[in-house]
Amino acid sequence: MSTTPNSEEFYQKLKEQLHDTTNWPAEYLYKFIVKSDLEKIAKLEVIFDNMGAVINTTESKNGKYTSVSVNLLMRNPDAVIEKYKEVAKKVEGVISL
């Protein structure tokens, strides 16, 4: 189960904020936290594959969790939200920041 908010209200608010504060297309930085599991990290990377994304991973001090930062050019707020939803559906236990 993902801890990414699934409420349409949350996504609608995010869409409005992105629309009001950003000129699109624009660079967008996604941040996720997953348990340090190579399979989960690989699933995240596949979701953003072939999009020109710059992906950085950093393991926590004790190695239990990994933060994954994904920076890429997105065309509009809808595209940003679509990726959040895809990650929530495909990567179990992911935390979206």
PDB file of N, CA and C in Angstrom:
ATOM      1  N   MET A   1       0.837  -1.190   0.000  1.00  0.00           N
ATOM      2  CA  MET A   1       0.000   0.000   0.000  1.00  0.00           C
ATOM      3  C   MET A   1       0.875   1.244   0.000  1.00  0.00           C
ATOM      4  N   SER A   2       0.515   2.204  -0.806  1.00  0.00           N
ATOM      5  CA  SER A   2       1.275   3.443  -0.920  1.00  0.00           C
ATOM      6  C   SER A   2       0.779   4.459   0.101  1.00  0.00           C
ATOM      7  N   THR A   3       1.702   5.302   0.556  1.00  0.00           N
ATOM      8  CA  THR A   3       1.278   6.364   1.465  1.00  0.00           C
ATOM      9  C   THR A   3       1.142   7.687   0.719  1.00  0.00           C
ATOM     10  N   THR A   4       1.107   7.630  -0.613  1.00  0.00           N
ATOM     11  CA  THR A   4       0.835   8.819  -1.394  1.00  0.00           C
ATOM     12  C   THR A   4      -0.650   9.144  -1.258  1.00  0.00           C
ATOM     13  N   PRO A   5      -0.988  10.416  -1.032  1.00  0.00           N
ATOM     14  CA  PRO A   5      -2.402  10.754  -0.900  1.00  0.00           C
ATOM     15  C   PRO A   5      -3.160  10.368  -2.170  1.00  0.00           C
ATOM     16  N   ASN A   6      -4.282   9.708  -2.021  1.00  0.00           N
ATOM     17  CA  ASN A   6      -5.056   9.282  -3.179  1.00  0.00           C
ATOM     18  C   ASN A   6      -6.299  10.126  -3.387  1.00  0.00           C
ATOM     19  N   SER A   7      -6.550  11.061  -2.502  1.00  0.00           N
ATOM     20  CA  SER A   7      -7.773  11.834  -2.600  1.00  0.00           C
ATOM     21  C   SER A   7      -7.707  12.794  -3.790  1.00  0.00           C
ATOM     22  N   GLU A   8      -8.804  12.805  -4.536  1.00  0.00           N
ATOM     23  CA  GLU A   8      -8.872  13.717  -5.683  1.00  0.00           C
ATOM     24  C   GLU A   8      -8.791  15.169  -5.220  1.00  0.00           C
ATOM     25  N   GLU A   9      -9.247  15.434  -4.001  1.00  0.00           N
ATOM     26  CA  GLU A   9      -9.165  16.786  -3.455  1.00  0.00           C
ATOM     27  C   GLU A   9      -7.706  17.225  -3.320  1.00  0.00           C
ATOM     28  N   PHE A  10      -6.855  16.315  -2.829  1.00  0.00           N
ATOM     29  CA  PHE A  10      -5.427  16.613  -2.700  1.00  0.00           C
ATOM     30  C   PHE A  10      -4.826  16.936  -4.067  1.00  0.00           C
ATOM     31  N   TYR A  11      -5.123  16.100  -5.051  1.00  0.00           N
ATOM     32  CA  TYR A  11      -4.557  16.305  -6.389  1.00  0.00           C
ATOM     33  C   TYR A  11      -5.087  17.576  -7.039  1.00  0.00           C
ATOM     34  N   GLN A  12      -6.354  17.899  -6.802  1.00  0.00           N
ATOM     35  CA  GLN A  12      -6.922  19.123  -7.359  1.00  0.00           C
ATOM     36  C   GLN A  12      -6.217  20.349  -6.772  1.00  0.00           C
ATOM     37  N   LYS A  13      -5.963  20.325  -5.461  1.00  0.00           N
ATOM     38  CA  LYS A  13      -5.271  21.433  -4.809  1.00  0.00           C
ATOM     39  C   LYS A  13      -3.842  21.560  -5.346  1.00  0.00           C
ATOM     40  N   LEU A  14      -3.167  20.426  -5.499  1.00  0.00           N
ATOM     41  CA  LEU A  14      -1.815  20.440  -6.047  1.00  0.00           C
ATOM     42  C   LEU A  14      -1.813  20.999  -7.467  1.00  0.00           C
ATOM     43  N   LYS A  15      -2.775  20.576  -8.274  1.00  0.00           N
ATOM     44  CA  LYS A  15      -2.875  21.063  -9.651  1.00  0.00           C
ATOM     45  C   LYS A  15      -3.027  22.580  -9.683  1.00  0.00           C
ATOM     46  N   GLU A  16      -3.892  23.102  -8.816  1.00  0.00           N
ATOM     47  CA  GLU A  16      -4.097  24.555  -8.768  1.00  0.00           C
ATOM     48  C   GLU A  16      -2.824  25.277  -8.341  1.00  0.00           C
ATOM     49  N   GLN A  17      -2.129  24.739  -7.338  1.00  0.00           N
ATOM     50  CA  GLN A  17      -0.878  25.363  -6.879  1.00  0.00           C
ATOM     51  C   GLN A  17       0.157  25.362  -7.997  1.00  0.00           C
ATOM     52  N   LEU A  18       0.307  24.234  -8.669  1.00  0.00           N
ATOM     53  CA  LEU A  18       1.292  24.148  -9.753  1.00  0.00           C
ATOM     54  C   LEU A  18       0.938  25.094 -10.893  1.00  0.00           C
ATOM     55  N   HIS A  19      -0.345  25.179 -11.204  1.00  0.00           N
ATOM     56  CA  HIS A  19      -0.801  26.054 -12.284  1.00  0.00           C
ATOM     57  C   HIS A  19      -0.538  27.518 -11.953  1.00  0.00           C
ATOM     58  N   ASP A  20      -0.766  27.887 -10.687  1.00  0.00           N
ATOM     59  CA  ASP A  20      -0.639  29.288 -10.276  1.00  0.00           C
ATOM     60  C   ASP A  20       0.804  29.735 -10.061  1.00  0.00           C
ATOM     61  N   THR A  21       1.707  28.809  -9.774  1.00  0.00           N
ATOM     62  CA  THR A  21       3.062  29.210  -9.388  1.00  0.00           C
ATOM     63  C   THR A  21       4.143  28.888 -10.417  1.00  0.00           C
ATOM     64  N   THR A  22       3.779  28.259 -11.526  1.00  0.00           N
ATOM     65  CA  THR A  22       4.792  27.790 -12.458  1.00  0.00           C
ATOM     66  C   THR A  22       4.384  28.086 -13.893  1.00  0.00           C
ATOM     67  N   ASN A  23       5.363  28.450 -14.705  1.00  0.00           N
ATOM     68  CA  ASN A  23       5.141  28.604 -16.144  1.00  0.00           C
ATOM     69  C   ASN A  23       5.502  27.285 -16.808  1.00  0.00           C
ATOM     70  N   TRP A  24       4.532  26.675 -17.491  1.00  0.00           N
ATOM     71  CA  TRP A  24       4.722  25.346 -18.085  1.00  0.00           C
ATOM     72  C   TRP A  24       5.046  25.442 -19.552  1.00  0.00           C
ATOM     73  N   PRO A  25       5.829  24.512 -20.101  1.00  0.00           N
ATOM     74  CA  PRO A  25       6.508  23.389 -19.457  1.00  0.00           C
ATOM     75  C   PRO A  25       7.607  23.868 -18.513  1.00  0.00           C
ATOM     76  N   ALA A  26       7.908  23.026 -17.503  1.00  0.00           N
ATOM     77  CA  ALA A  26       8.886  23.420 -16.486  1.00  0.00           C
ATOM     78  C   ALA A  26       9.574  22.195 -15.903  1.00  0.00           C
ATOM     79  N   GLU A  27      10.756  22.455 -15.317  1.00  0.00           N
ATOM     80  CA  GLU A  27      11.452  21.403 -14.566  1.00  0.00           C
ATOM     81  C   GLU A  27      10.653  21.117 -13.298  1.00  0.00           C
ATOM     82  N   TYR A  28      10.513  19.841 -12.967  1.00  0.00           N
ATOM     83  CA  TYR A  28       9.807  19.468 -11.744  1.00  0.00           C
ATOM     84  C   TYR A  28      10.650  18.458 -10.988  1.00  0.00           C
ATOM     85  N   LEU A  29      10.724  18.621  -9.676  1.00  0.00           N
ATOM     86  CA  LEU A  29      11.502  17.717  -8.836  1.00  0.00           C
ATOM     87  C   LEU A  29      10.560  16.869  -7.997  1.00  0.00           C
ATOM     88  N   TYR A  30      10.550  15.575  -8.292  1.00  0.00           N
ATOM     89  CA  TYR A  30       9.804  14.610  -7.486  1.00  0.00           C
ATOM     90  C   TYR A  30      10.748  14.102  -6.402  1.00  0.00           C
ATOM     91  N   LYS A  31      10.208  13.848  -5.205  1.00  0.00           N
ATOM     92  CA  LYS A  31      10.991  13.239  -4.129  1.00  0.00           C
ATOM     93  C   LYS A  31      10.169  12.101  -3.535  1.00  0.00           C
ATOM     94  N   PHE A  32      10.817  10.954  -3.438  1.00  0.00           N
ATOM     95  CA  PHE A  32      10.167   9.763  -2.901  1.00  0.00           C
ATOM     96  C   PHE A  32      11.075   9.121  -1.871  1.00  0.00           C
ATOM     97  N   ILE A  33      10.465   8.399  -0.939  1.00  0.00           N
ATOM     98  CA  ILE A  33      11.221   7.588   0.013  1.00  0.00           C
ATOM     99  C   ILE A  33      10.669   6.175  -0.065  1.00  0.00           C
ATOM    100  N   VAL A  34      11.588   5.207  -0.198  1.00  0.00           N
ATOM    101  CA  VAL A  34      11.201   3.795  -0.217  1.00  0.00           C
ATOM    102  C   VAL A  34      12.146   3.025   0.688  1.00  0.00           C
ATOM    103  N   LYS A  35      11.709   1.841   1.125  1.00  0.00           N
ATOM    104  CA  LYS A  35      12.634   0.962   1.840  1.00  0.00           C
ATOM    105  C   LYS A  35      13.763   0.637   0.877  1.00  0.00           C
ATOM    106  N   SER A  36      14.959   0.472   1.409  1.00  0.00           N
ATOM    107  CA  SER A  36      16.125   0.199   0.561  1.00  0.00           C
ATOM    108  C   SER A  36      16.000  -1.200  -0.033  1.00  0.00           C
ATOM    109  N   ASP A  37      15.249  -1.269  -1.105  1.00  0.00           N
ATOM    110  CA  ASP A  37      14.959  -2.505  -1.819  1.00  0.00           C
ATOM    111  C   ASP A  37      15.230  -2.218  -3.294  1.00  0.00           C
ATOM    112  N   LEU A  38      16.210  -2.916  -3.866  1.00  0.00           N
ATOM    113  CA  LEU A  38      16.603  -2.640  -5.251  1.00  0.00           C
ATOM    114  C   LEU A  38      15.434  -2.776  -6.221  1.00  0.00           C
ATOM    115  N   GLU A  39      14.521  -3.692  -5.948  1.00  0.00           N
ATOM    116  CA  GLU A  39      13.371  -3.880  -6.827  1.00  0.00           C
ATOM    117  C   GLU A  39      12.461  -2.650  -6.821  1.00  0.00           C
ATOM    118  N   LYS A  40      12.226  -2.082  -5.638  1.00  0.00           N
ATOM    119  CA  LYS A  40      11.367  -0.890  -5.542  1.00  0.00           C
ATOM    120  C   LYS A  40      12.029   0.314  -6.216  1.00  0.00           C
ATOM    121  N   ILE A  41      13.326   0.457  -6.010  1.00  0.00           N
ATOM    122  CA  ILE A  41      14.049   1.573  -6.640  1.00  0.00           C
ATOM    123  C   ILE A  41      14.019   1.413  -8.150  1.00  0.00           C
ATOM    124  N   ALA A  42      14.198   0.185  -8.628  1.00  0.00           N
ATOM    125  CA  ALA A  42      14.168  -0.082 -10.069  1.00  0.00           C
ATOM    126  C   ALA A  42      12.785   0.230 -10.650  1.00  0.00           C
ATOM    127  N   LYS A  43      11.721  -0.104  -9.925  1.00  0.00           N
ATOM    128  CA  LYS A  43      10.362   0.199 -10.398  1.00  0.00           C
ATOM    129  C   LYS A  43      10.178   1.705 -10.556  1.00  0.00           C
ATOM    130  N   LEU A  44      10.687   2.457  -9.584  1.00  0.00           N
ATOM    131  CA  LEU A  44      10.603   3.920  -9.672  1.00  0.00           C
ATOM    132  C   LEU A  44      11.347   4.422 -10.907  1.00  0.00           C
ATOM    133  N   GLU A  45      12.539   3.901 -11.113  1.00  0.00           N
ATOM    134  CA  GLU A  45      13.350   4.340 -12.253  1.00  0.00           C
ATOM    135  C   GLU A  45      12.671   4.016 -13.580  1.00  0.00           C
ATOM    136  N   VAL A  46      12.030   2.863 -13.673  1.00  0.00           N
ATOM    137  CA  VAL A  46      11.350   2.472 -14.909  1.00  0.00           C
ATOM    138  C   VAL A  46      10.199   3.426 -15.229  1.00  0.00           C
ATOM    139  N   ILE A  47       9.491   3.889 -14.219  1.00  0.00           N
ATOM    140  CA  ILE A  47       8.369   4.807 -14.430  1.00  0.00           C
ATOM    141  C   ILE A  47       8.829   6.084 -15.119  1.00  0.00           C
ATOM    142  N   PHE A  48      10.044   6.520 -14.824  1.00  0.00           N
ATOM    143  CA  PHE A  48      10.558   7.767 -15.403  1.00  0.00           C
ATOM    144  C   PHE A  48      11.561   7.524 -16.530  1.00  0.00           C
ATOM    145  N   ASP A  49      11.679   6.265 -16.967  1.00  0.00           N
ATOM    146  CA  ASP A  49      12.627   5.897 -18.017  1.00  0.00           C
ATOM    147  C   ASP A  49      12.236   6.549 -19.344  1.00  0.00           C
ATOM    148  N   ASN A  50      13.231   6.872 -20.155  1.00  0.00           N
ATOM    149  CA  ASN A  50      13.036   7.452 -21.497  1.00  0.00           C
ATOM    150  C   ASN A  50      12.303   8.791 -21.481  1.00  0.00           C
ATOM    151  N   MET A  51      12.442   9.525 -20.386  1.00  0.00           N
ATOM    152  CA  MET A  51      11.815  10.849 -20.287  1.00  0.00           C
ATOM    153  C   MET A  51      12.874  11.945 -20.099  1.00  0.00           C
ATOM    154  N   GLY A  52      14.132  11.557 -20.090  1.00  0.00           N
ATOM    155  CA  GLY A  52      15.198  12.526 -19.863  1.00  0.00           C
ATOM    156  C   GLY A  52      15.345  12.902 -18.403  1.00  0.00           C
ATOM    157  N   ALA A  53      14.884  12.047 -17.506  1.00  0.00           N
ATOM    158  CA  ALA A  53      14.923  12.342 -16.077  1.00  0.00           C
ATOM    159  C   ALA A  53      16.328  12.173 -15.520  1.00  0.00           C
ATOM    160  N   VAL A  54      16.677  13.032 -14.571  1.00  0.00           N
ATOM    161  CA  VAL A  54      17.897  12.887 -13.791  1.00  0.00           C
ATOM    162  C   VAL A  54      17.457  12.308 -12.448  1.00  0.00           C
ATOM    163  N   ILE A  55      17.943  11.095 -12.150  1.00  0.00           N
ATOM    164  CA  ILE A  55      17.516  10.389 -10.946  1.00  0.00           C
ATOM    165  C   ILE A  55      18.700  10.232 -10.006  1.00  0.00           C
ATOM    166  N   ASN A  56      18.518  10.685  -8.766  1.00  0.00           N
ATOM    167  CA  ASN A  56      19.547  10.539  -7.734  1.00  0.00           C
ATOM    168  C   ASN A  56      18.960   9.760  -6.566  1.00  0.00           C
ATOM    169  N   THR A  57      19.768   8.846  -6.018  1.00  0.00           N
ATOM    170  CA  THR A  57      19.329   8.089  -4.851  1.00  0.00           C
ATOM    171  C   THR A  57      20.309   8.319  -3.711  1.00  0.00           C
ATOM    172  N   THR A  58      19.772   8.382  -2.499  1.00  0.00           N
ATOM    173  CA  THR A  58      20.589   8.547  -1.305  1.00  0.00           C
ATOM    174  C   THR A  58      20.050   7.620  -0.228  1.00  0.00           C
ATOM    175  N   GLU A  59      20.913   6.755   0.265  1.00  0.00           N
ATOM    176  CA  GLU A  59      20.505   5.847   1.333  1.00  0.00           C
ATOM    177  C   GLU A  59      20.538   6.569   2.672  1.00  0.00           C
ATOM    178  N   SER A  60      19.612   6.204   3.550  1.00  0.00           N
ATOM    179  CA  SER A  60      19.607   6.778   4.887  1.00  0.00           C
ATOM    180  C   SER A  60      20.850   6.309   5.646  1.00  0.00           C
ATOM    181  N   LYS A  61      21.123   6.966   6.761  1.00  0.00           N
ATOM    182  CA  LYS A  61      22.332   6.669   7.532  1.00  0.00           C
ATOM    183  C   LYS A  61      22.413   5.193   7.921  1.00  0.00           C
ATOM    184  N   ASN A  62      21.294   4.611   8.312  1.00  0.00           N
ATOM    185  CA  ASN A  62      21.314   3.204   8.717  1.00  0.00           C
ATOM    186  C   ASN A  62      21.042   2.243   7.558  1.00  0.00           C
ATOM    187  N   GLY A  63      20.794   2.798   6.355  1.00  0.00           N
ATOM    188  CA  GLY A  63      20.620   1.973   5.172  1.00  0.00           C
ATOM    189  C   GLY A  63      19.251   1.348   5.020  1.00  0.00           C
ATOM    190  N   LYS A  64      18.314   1.698   5.898  1.00  0.00           N
ATOM    191  CA  LYS A  64      16.990   1.081   5.858  1.00  0.00           C
ATOM    192  C   LYS A  64      16.101   1.692   4.766  1.00  0.00           C
ATOM    193  N   TYR A  65      16.290   2.981   4.491  1.00  0.00           N
ATOM    194  CA  TYR A  65      15.476   3.680   3.502  1.00  0.00           C
ATOM    195  C   TYR A  65      16.363   4.349   2.463  1.00  0.00           C
ATOM    196  N   THR A  66      15.765   4.589   1.296  1.00  0.00           N
ATOM    197  CA  THR A  66      16.461   5.295   0.229  1.00  0.00           C
ATOM    198  C   THR A  66      15.568   6.424  -0.257  1.00  0.00           C
ATOM    199  N   SER A  67      16.141   7.615  -0.382  1.00  0.00           N
ATOM    200  CA  SER A  67      15.390   8.717  -0.971  1.00  0.00           C
ATOM    201  C   SER A  67      15.742   8.749  -2.458  1.00  0.00           C
ATOM    202  N   VAL A  68      14.729   8.963  -3.264  1.00  0.00           N
ATOM    203  CA  VAL A  68      14.894   8.998  -4.712  1.00  0.00           C
ATOM    204  C   VAL A  68      14.393  10.352  -5.194  1.00  0.00           C
ATOM    205  N   SER A  69      15.284  11.119  -5.813  1.00  0.00           N
ATOM    206  CA  SER A  69      14.922  12.419  -6.381  1.00  0.00           C
ATOM    207  C   SER A  69      14.904  12.276  -7.898  1.00  0.00           C
ATOM    208  N   VAL A  70      13.843  12.756  -8.510  1.00  0.00           N
ATOM    209  CA  VAL A  70      13.685  12.657  -9.959  1.00  0.00           C
ATOM    210  C   VAL A  70      13.424  14.069 -10.482  1.00  0.00           C
ATOM    211  N   ASN A  71      14.331  14.555 -11.323  1.00  0.00           N
ATOM    212  CA  ASN A  71      14.193  15.894 -11.884  1.00  0.00           C
ATOM    213  C   ASN A  71      13.995  15.766 -13.384  1.00  0.00           C
ATOM    214  N   LEU A  72      12.900  16.336 -13.894  1.00  0.00           N
ATOM    215  CA  LEU A  72      12.664  16.263 -15.328  1.00  0.00           C
ATOM    216  C   LEU A  72      11.724  17.355 -15.790  1.00  0.00           C
ATOM    217  N   LEU A  73      11.708  17.554 -17.092  1.00  0.00           N
ATOM    218  CA  LEU A  73      10.853  18.556 -17.705  1.00  0.00           C
ATOM    219  C   LEU A  73       9.456  17.972 -17.871  1.00  0.00           C
ATOM    220  N   MET A  74       8.474  18.653 -17.295  1.00  0.00           N
ATOM    221  CA  MET A  74       7.084  18.210 -17.402  1.00  0.00           C
ATOM    222  C   MET A  74       6.298  19.253 -18.185  1.00  0.00           C
ATOM    223  N   ARG A  75       5.294  18.795 -18.938  1.00  0.00           N
ATOM    224  CA  ARG A  75       4.569  19.710 -19.825  1.00  0.00           C
ATOM    225  C   ARG A  75       3.488  20.533 -19.129  1.00  0.00           C
ATOM    226  N   ASN A  76       2.887  19.968 -18.039  1.00  0.00           N
ATOM    227  CA  ASN A  76       1.814  20.696 -17.348  1.00  0.00           C
ATOM    228  C   ASN A  76       1.508  20.021 -16.011  1.00  0.00           C
ATOM    229  N   PRO A  77       0.697  20.663 -15.171  1.00  0.00           N
ATOM    230  CA  PRO A  77       0.364  20.069 -13.861  1.00  0.00           C
ATOM    231  C   PRO A  77      -0.295  18.696 -13.970  1.00  0.00           C
ATOM    232  N   ASP A  78      -1.109  18.481 -14.996  1.00  0.00           N
ATOM    233  CA  ASP A  78      -1.760  17.170 -15.164  1.00  0.00           C
ATOM    234  C   ASP A  78      -0.733  16.064 -15.346  1.00  0.00           C
ATOM    235  N   ALA A  79       0.334  16.339 -16.101  1.00  0.00           N
ATOM    236  CA  ALA A  79       1.385  15.346 -16.320  1.00  0.00           C
ATOM    237  C   ALA A  79       2.115  15.040 -15.016  1.00  0.00           C
ATOM    238  N   VAL A  80       2.323  16.056 -14.188  1.00  0.00           N
ATOM    239  CA  VAL A  80       2.973  15.864 -12.888  1.00  0.00           C
ATOM    240  C   VAL A  80       2.129  14.935 -12.017  1.00  0.00           C
ATOM    241  N   ILE A  81       0.852  15.205 -11.929  1.00  0.00           N
ATOM    242  CA  ILE A  81      -0.055  14.424 -11.090  1.00  0.00           C
ATOM    243  C   ILE A  81      -0.195  12.999 -11.618  1.00  0.00           C
ATOM    244  N   GLU A  82      -0.230  12.855 -12.934  1.00  0.00           N
ATOM    245  CA  GLU A  82      -0.316  11.524 -13.550  1.00  0.00           C
ATOM    246  C   GLU A  82       0.841  10.637 -13.087  1.00  0.00           C
ATOM    247  N   LYS A  83       2.043  11.197 -13.005  1.00  0.00           N
ATOM    248  CA  LYS A  83       3.210  10.422 -12.563  1.00  0.00           C
ATOM    249  C   LYS A  83       3.108  10.070 -11.081  1.00  0.00           C
ATOM    250  N   TYR A  84       2.635  11.003 -10.252  1.00  0.00           N
ATOM    251  CA  TYR A  84       2.441  10.685  -8.836  1.00  0.00           C
ATOM    252  C   TYR A  84       1.496   9.494  -8.687  1.00  0.00           C
ATOM    253  N   LYS A  85       0.404   9.507  -9.445  1.00  0.00           N
ATOM    254  CA  LYS A  85      -0.575   8.426  -9.362  1.00  0.00           C
ATOM    255  C   LYS A  85       0.019   7.106  -9.852  1.00  0.00           C
ATOM    256  N   GLU A  86       0.813   7.160 -10.915  1.00  0.00           N
ATOM    257  CA  GLU A  86       1.442   5.944 -11.443  1.00  0.00           C
ATOM    258  C   GLU A  86       2.401   5.343 -10.417  1.00  0.00           C
ATOM    259  N   VAL A  87       3.191   6.196  -9.773  1.00  0.00           N
ATOM    260  CA  VAL A  87       4.121   5.720  -8.739  1.00  0.00           C
ATOM    261  C   VAL A  87       3.344   5.083  -7.594  1.00  0.00           C
ATOM    262  N   ALA A  88       2.283   5.731  -7.139  1.00  0.00           N
ATOM    263  CA  ALA A  88       1.482   5.221  -6.035  1.00  0.00           C
ATOM    264  C   ALA A  88       0.894   3.848  -6.363  1.00  0.00           C
ATOM    265  N   LYS A  89       0.536   3.640  -7.615  1.00  0.00           N
ATOM    266  CA  LYS A  89      -0.076   2.390  -8.034  1.00  0.00           C
ATOM    267  C   LYS A  89       0.957   1.268  -8.182  1.00  0.00           C
ATOM    268  N   LYS A  90       2.158   1.604  -8.646  1.00  0.00           N
ATOM    269  CA  LYS A  90       3.132   0.575  -9.024  1.00  0.00           C
ATOM    270  C   LYS A  90       4.216   0.265  -7.986  1.00  0.00           C
ATOM    271  N   VAL A  91       4.449   1.193  -7.045  1.00  0.00           N
ATOM    272  CA  VAL A  91       5.537   0.996  -6.075  1.00  0.00           C
ATOM    273  C   VAL A  91       4.933   0.913  -4.679  1.00  0.00           C
ATOM    274  N   GLU A  92       4.887  -0.293  -4.139  1.00  0.00           N
ATOM    275  CA  GLU A  92       4.291  -0.512  -2.829  1.00  0.00           C
ATOM    276  C   GLU A  92       5.115   0.151  -1.725  1.00  0.00           C
ATOM    277  N   GLY A  93       4.407   0.855  -0.821  1.00  0.00           N
ATOM    278  CA  GLY A  93       5.065   1.442   0.335  1.00  0.00           C
ATOM    279  C   GLY A  93       5.813   2.744   0.075  1.00  0.00           C
ATOM    280  N   VAL A  94       5.678   3.303  -1.108  1.00  0.00           N
ATOM    281  CA  VAL A  94       6.396   4.547  -1.428  1.00  0.00           C
ATOM    282  C   VAL A  94       5.782   5.706  -0.655  1.00  0.00           C
ATOM    283  N   ILE A  95       6.631   6.632  -0.248  1.00  0.00           N
ATOM    284  CA  ILE A  95       6.190   7.878   0.377  1.00  0.00           C
ATOM    285  C   ILE A  95       6.562   9.002  -0.593  1.00  0.00           C
ATOM    286  N   SER A  96       5.580   9.764  -1.014  1.00  0.00           N
ATOM    287  CA  SER A  96       5.826  10.893  -1.904  1.00  0.00           C
ATOM    288  C   SER A  96       5.909  12.157  -1.076  1.00  0.00           C
ATOM    289  N   LEU A  97       6.934  12.956  -1.340  1.00  0.00           N
ATOM    290  CA  LEU A  97       7.097  14.210  -0.612  1.00  0.00           C
ATOM    291  C   LEU A  97       6.768  15.380  -1.518  1.00  0.00           C
TER     292      LEU A  97
END
